[in-house]
N, C-alpha and C. Protein backbone atom coordinates (compact mmCIF):
# COMPACT_ATOMS: atom_id res chain seq x y z
N UNK A 1 0.85 -1.18 0.00
CA UNK A 1 0.00 0.00 0.00
C UNK A 1 0.89 1.24 0.00
N UNK A 2 0.58 2.16 -0.85
CA UNK A 2 1.36 3.39 -0.97
C UNK A 2 0.83 4.44 0.00
N UNK A 3 1.75 5.28 0.47
CA UNK A 3 1.34 6.41 1.30
C UNK A 3 0.60 7.43 0.46
N UNK A 4 0.00 8.39 1.11
CA UNK A 4 -0.80 9.39 0.41
C UNK A 4 0.04 10.19 -0.58
N UNK A 5 1.24 10.62 -0.18
CA UNK A 5 2.05 11.42 -1.10
C UNK A 5 2.57 10.59 -2.27
N UNK A 6 2.90 9.31 -2.03
CA UNK A 6 3.36 8.44 -3.11
C UNK A 6 2.24 8.17 -4.10
N UNK A 7 1.04 7.96 -3.62
CA UNK A 7 -0.10 7.72 -4.50
C UNK A 7 -0.40 8.97 -5.32
N UNK A 8 -0.29 10.12 -4.69
CA UNK A 8 -0.54 11.36 -5.42
C UNK A 8 0.52 11.56 -6.51
N UNK A 9 1.78 11.20 -6.23
CA UNK A 9 2.85 11.37 -7.21
C UNK A 9 2.62 10.50 -8.43
N UNK A 10 1.99 9.34 -8.27
CA UNK A 10 1.71 8.47 -9.41
C UNK A 10 0.69 9.11 -10.35
N UNK A 11 -0.29 9.81 -9.79
CA UNK A 11 -1.34 10.39 -10.61
C UNK A 11 -1.02 11.82 -11.04
N UNK A 12 -0.18 12.51 -10.29
CA UNK A 12 0.16 13.90 -10.59
C UNK A 12 1.68 14.06 -10.57
N UNK A 13 2.37 13.65 -11.63
CA UNK A 13 3.83 13.79 -11.63
C UNK A 13 4.23 15.27 -11.59
N UNK A 14 5.37 15.58 -10.99
CA UNK A 14 5.79 16.99 -10.91
C UNK A 14 6.11 17.54 -12.28
N UNK A 15 5.86 18.82 -12.45
CA UNK A 15 6.16 19.48 -13.71
C UNK A 15 7.36 20.40 -13.51
N UNK A 16 8.12 20.56 -14.56
CA UNK A 16 9.27 21.45 -14.53
C UNK A 16 8.95 22.66 -15.38
N UNK A 17 9.03 23.83 -14.76
CA UNK A 17 8.74 25.06 -15.47
C UNK A 17 10.05 25.80 -15.66
N UNK A 18 10.38 26.10 -16.91
CA UNK A 18 11.62 26.81 -17.22
C UNK A 18 11.27 28.13 -17.88
N UNK A 19 12.01 29.16 -17.49
CA UNK A 19 11.79 30.46 -18.10
C UNK A 19 12.63 30.58 -19.36
N UNK A 20 12.37 31.64 -20.14
CA UNK A 20 13.13 31.86 -21.35
C UNK A 20 14.59 32.09 -21.00
N UNK A 21 15.49 31.53 -21.78
CA UNK A 21 16.91 31.76 -21.60
C UNK A 21 17.54 30.97 -20.47
N UNK A 22 16.90 29.92 -20.00
CA UNK A 22 17.45 29.17 -18.86
C UNK A 22 18.76 28.49 -19.21
N UNK A 23 18.96 28.13 -20.47
CA UNK A 23 20.22 27.49 -20.85
C UNK A 23 21.39 28.47 -20.77
N UNK A 24 21.18 29.70 -21.20
CA UNK A 24 22.26 30.67 -21.15
C UNK A 24 22.59 31.05 -19.72
N UNK A 25 21.60 31.12 -18.86
CA UNK A 25 21.87 31.44 -17.46
C UNK A 25 22.65 30.31 -16.80
N UNK A 26 22.35 29.09 -17.13
CA UNK A 26 23.05 27.95 -16.55
C UNK A 26 24.49 27.88 -17.04
N UNK A 27 24.74 28.31 -18.27
CA UNK A 27 26.06 28.18 -18.86
C UNK A 27 27.04 29.20 -18.29
N UNK A 28 26.54 30.29 -17.71
CA UNK A 28 27.42 31.31 -17.16
C UNK A 28 28.15 30.81 -15.92
N UNK A 29 29.41 31.16 -15.75
CA UNK A 29 30.12 30.74 -14.54
C UNK A 29 29.53 31.41 -13.31
N UNK A 30 29.52 30.70 -12.21
CA UNK A 30 28.96 31.24 -10.96
C UNK A 30 29.99 32.07 -10.22
N UNK A 31 29.52 32.93 -9.37
CA UNK A 31 30.42 33.72 -8.54
C UNK A 31 30.76 35.04 -9.18
N UNK A 32 31.54 35.02 -10.22
CA UNK A 32 31.89 36.23 -10.93
C UNK A 32 33.03 37.00 -10.31
N UNK A 33 33.84 36.37 -9.44
CA UNK A 33 34.97 37.07 -8.84
C UNK A 33 36.06 37.29 -9.88
N UNK A 34 36.68 38.45 -9.81
CA UNK A 34 37.76 38.74 -10.74
C UNK A 34 39.01 37.98 -10.32
N UNK A 35 40.00 37.96 -11.18
CA UNK A 35 41.22 37.22 -10.90
C UNK A 35 41.96 37.82 -9.71
N UNK A 36 41.99 39.14 -9.61
CA UNK A 36 42.65 39.80 -8.48
C UNK A 36 41.96 39.49 -7.16
N UNK A 37 40.61 39.50 -7.18
CA UNK A 37 39.85 39.19 -5.97
C UNK A 37 40.08 37.75 -5.55
N UNK A 38 40.21 36.86 -6.51
CA UNK A 38 40.46 35.45 -6.21
C UNK A 38 41.80 35.28 -5.52
N UNK A 39 42.83 36.01 -5.97
CA UNK A 39 44.14 35.93 -5.33
C UNK A 39 44.10 36.43 -3.89
N UNK A 40 43.36 37.52 -3.66
CA UNK A 40 43.24 38.06 -2.31
C UNK A 40 42.53 37.07 -1.40
N UNK A 41 41.45 36.48 -1.90
CA UNK A 41 40.71 35.51 -1.10
C UNK A 41 41.54 34.27 -0.82
N UNK A 42 42.33 33.82 -1.80
CA UNK A 42 43.21 32.67 -1.57
C UNK A 42 44.23 32.96 -0.48
N UNK A 43 44.80 34.15 -0.52
CA UNK A 43 45.81 34.53 0.49
C UNK A 43 45.17 34.60 1.88
N UNK A 44 43.99 35.19 1.96
CA UNK A 44 43.29 35.30 3.24
C UNK A 44 42.97 33.92 3.79
N UNK A 45 42.54 33.03 2.91
CA UNK A 45 42.20 31.66 3.32
C UNK A 45 43.42 30.95 3.89
N UNK A 46 44.59 31.15 3.27
CA UNK A 46 45.83 30.53 3.75
C UNK A 46 46.17 31.03 5.15
N UNK A 47 46.07 32.33 5.36
CA UNK A 47 46.44 32.93 6.64
C UNK A 47 45.49 32.49 7.74
N UNK A 48 44.21 32.45 7.46
CA UNK A 48 43.22 32.14 8.48
C UNK A 48 43.21 30.66 8.81
N UNK A 49 43.37 29.79 7.85
CA UNK A 49 43.23 28.36 8.10
C UNK A 49 44.48 27.73 8.70
N UNK A 50 45.62 28.37 8.65
CA UNK A 50 46.85 27.79 9.19
C UNK A 50 46.74 27.48 10.69
N UNK A 51 46.28 28.40 11.54
CA UNK A 51 46.19 28.07 12.97
C UNK A 51 45.26 26.89 13.25
N UNK A 52 44.16 26.81 12.52
CA UNK A 52 43.22 25.72 12.78
C UNK A 52 43.81 24.37 12.37
N UNK A 53 44.55 24.35 11.27
CA UNK A 53 45.24 23.13 10.86
C UNK A 53 46.30 22.73 11.85
N UNK A 54 47.03 23.70 12.37
CA UNK A 54 48.06 23.42 13.37
C UNK A 54 47.45 22.88 14.66
N UNK A 55 46.34 23.48 15.08
CA UNK A 55 45.67 23.02 16.29
C UNK A 55 45.21 21.58 16.12
N UNK A 56 44.63 21.27 14.97
CA UNK A 56 44.15 19.90 14.74
C UNK A 56 45.31 18.90 14.72
N UNK A 57 46.44 19.31 14.13
CA UNK A 57 47.57 18.38 14.00
C UNK A 57 48.36 18.26 15.29
N UNK A 58 48.72 19.37 15.91
CA UNK A 58 49.57 19.35 17.10
C UNK A 58 48.83 18.85 18.33
N UNK A 59 47.58 19.23 18.46
CA UNK A 59 46.87 18.99 19.72
C UNK A 59 45.76 17.95 19.58
N UNK A 60 45.70 17.31 18.44
CA UNK A 60 44.69 16.27 18.20
C UNK A 60 43.28 16.77 18.49
N UNK A 61 42.99 17.99 18.05
CA UNK A 61 41.69 18.61 18.27
C UNK A 61 40.84 18.52 17.02
N UNK A 62 40.53 17.32 16.58
CA UNK A 62 39.72 17.17 15.39
C UNK A 62 38.28 17.54 15.62
N UNK A 63 37.78 17.28 16.82
CA UNK A 63 36.38 17.58 17.15
C UNK A 63 36.33 18.03 18.61
N UNK A 64 35.30 18.77 18.93
CA UNK A 64 35.16 19.22 20.31
C UNK A 64 34.66 18.07 21.18
N UNK A 65 35.09 18.06 22.42
CA UNK A 65 34.73 16.99 23.33
C UNK A 65 33.53 17.34 24.18
N UNK A 66 33.12 18.60 24.16
CA UNK A 66 31.99 19.05 24.98
C UNK A 66 30.78 19.32 24.11
N UNK A 67 29.65 19.50 24.78
CA UNK A 67 28.40 19.84 24.09
C UNK A 67 27.88 21.15 24.64
N UNK A 68 27.26 21.92 23.80
CA UNK A 68 26.72 23.21 24.22
C UNK A 68 27.67 24.33 23.82
N UNK A 69 27.09 25.42 23.37
CA UNK A 69 27.88 26.52 22.84
C UNK A 69 28.82 27.11 23.88
N UNK A 70 28.35 27.29 25.09
CA UNK A 70 29.20 27.89 26.13
C UNK A 70 30.39 27.00 26.46
N UNK A 71 30.17 25.71 26.56
CA UNK A 71 31.25 24.77 26.88
C UNK A 71 32.23 24.64 25.72
N UNK A 72 31.72 24.64 24.49
CA UNK A 72 32.59 24.56 23.32
C UNK A 72 33.46 25.82 23.23
N UNK A 73 32.86 26.98 23.51
CA UNK A 73 33.64 28.22 23.51
C UNK A 73 34.76 28.15 24.55
N UNK A 74 34.44 27.63 25.73
CA UNK A 74 35.46 27.51 26.77
C UNK A 74 36.56 26.54 26.34
N UNK A 75 36.17 25.42 25.74
CA UNK A 75 37.16 24.44 25.27
C UNK A 75 38.06 25.05 24.20
N UNK A 76 37.47 25.78 23.26
CA UNK A 76 38.29 26.38 22.21
C UNK A 76 39.17 27.49 22.77
N UNK A 77 38.68 28.23 23.75
CA UNK A 77 39.50 29.27 24.36
C UNK A 77 40.75 28.67 25.00
N UNK A 78 40.58 27.55 25.70
CA UNK A 78 41.74 26.88 26.30
C UNK A 78 42.70 26.36 25.22
N UNK A 79 42.14 25.81 24.16
CA UNK A 79 42.96 25.30 23.07
C UNK A 79 43.74 26.44 22.40
N UNK A 80 43.06 27.57 22.16
CA UNK A 80 43.71 28.73 21.55
C UNK A 80 44.80 29.28 22.47
N UNK A 81 44.55 29.28 23.78
CA UNK A 81 45.56 29.74 24.74
C UNK A 81 46.79 28.85 24.68
N UNK A 82 46.57 27.53 24.66
CA UNK A 82 47.69 26.60 24.57
C UNK A 82 48.45 26.78 23.25
N UNK A 83 47.74 26.99 22.17
CA UNK A 83 48.37 27.21 20.86
C UNK A 83 49.24 28.47 20.90
N UNK A 84 48.69 29.56 21.45
CA UNK A 84 49.43 30.82 21.50
C UNK A 84 50.66 30.71 22.40
N UNK A 85 50.53 30.02 23.54
CA UNK A 85 51.68 29.81 24.42
C UNK A 85 52.76 29.00 23.72
N UNK A 86 52.34 27.97 23.03
CA UNK A 86 53.31 27.14 22.32
C UNK A 86 54.04 27.95 21.25
N UNK A 87 53.31 28.75 20.51
CA UNK A 87 53.93 29.58 19.49
C UNK A 87 54.88 30.59 20.11
N UNK A 88 54.50 31.16 21.26
CA UNK A 88 55.36 32.13 21.93
C UNK A 88 56.65 31.47 22.41
N UNK A 89 56.53 30.28 22.98
CA UNK A 89 57.71 29.57 23.49
C UNK A 89 58.64 29.19 22.35
N UNK A 90 58.08 28.65 21.27
CA UNK A 90 58.89 28.28 20.11
C UNK A 90 59.54 29.52 19.53
N UNK A 91 58.81 30.64 19.51
CA UNK A 91 59.36 31.89 18.99
C UNK A 91 60.52 32.39 19.83
N UNK A 92 60.39 32.28 21.15
CA UNK A 92 61.47 32.72 22.03
C UNK A 92 62.68 31.82 21.89
N UNK A 93 62.46 30.52 21.78
CA UNK A 93 63.58 29.58 21.59
C UNK A 93 64.32 29.88 20.29
N UNK A 94 63.57 30.14 19.24
CA UNK A 94 64.19 30.47 17.95
C UNK A 94 64.97 31.78 18.04
N UNK A 95 64.44 32.73 18.79
CA UNK A 95 65.11 34.00 18.97
C UNK A 95 66.42 33.80 19.76
N UNK A 96 66.38 32.97 20.78
CA UNK A 96 67.58 32.70 21.58
C UNK A 96 68.66 32.03 20.75
N UNK A 97 68.27 31.10 19.89
CA UNK A 97 69.23 30.44 19.00
C UNK A 97 69.86 31.46 18.06
N UNK A 98 69.05 32.37 17.55
CA UNK A 98 69.56 33.38 16.63
C UNK A 98 70.49 34.35 17.35
N UNK A 99 70.22 34.68 18.61
CA UNK A 99 71.06 35.59 19.36
C UNK A 99 72.41 34.95 19.67
N UNK A 100 72.41 33.65 19.99
CA UNK A 100 73.65 32.94 20.32
C UNK A 100 74.55 32.81 19.09
N UNK A 101 73.99 32.76 17.93
CA UNK A 101 74.78 32.54 16.70
C UNK A 101 75.54 33.75 16.27
C-alpha cells in the first residue's frame, strides 16, 4: 500500500517550469569574482586556516569533546591559549638560537 504522497505522485507527476533563456543562465560561470579578488581571497584563506590546521595536527583537536555553545567556547579558548603559548615559546627559543649565533 502506498502512502498518500506516493499515491498522489503516481497520478500527478511533478512538472518542470523553465523560463526563457534558462540554458544561457546555466552556462554562465557562478560567482563572478575577478582574478585579483580570487588571489586576495586565496591569500586570506591561507592565513586564516593555518592556525586551525596546526591546532588539529599538534593537539589532536579534530572535534570538540563538549556539548553546548558555552562549553565549546570555553574548550576552544583553552585550546587557543595553549596554541598561542606554544607559538610564543617556540618563537622565544628560535630568537635565543639566533642571538647565540
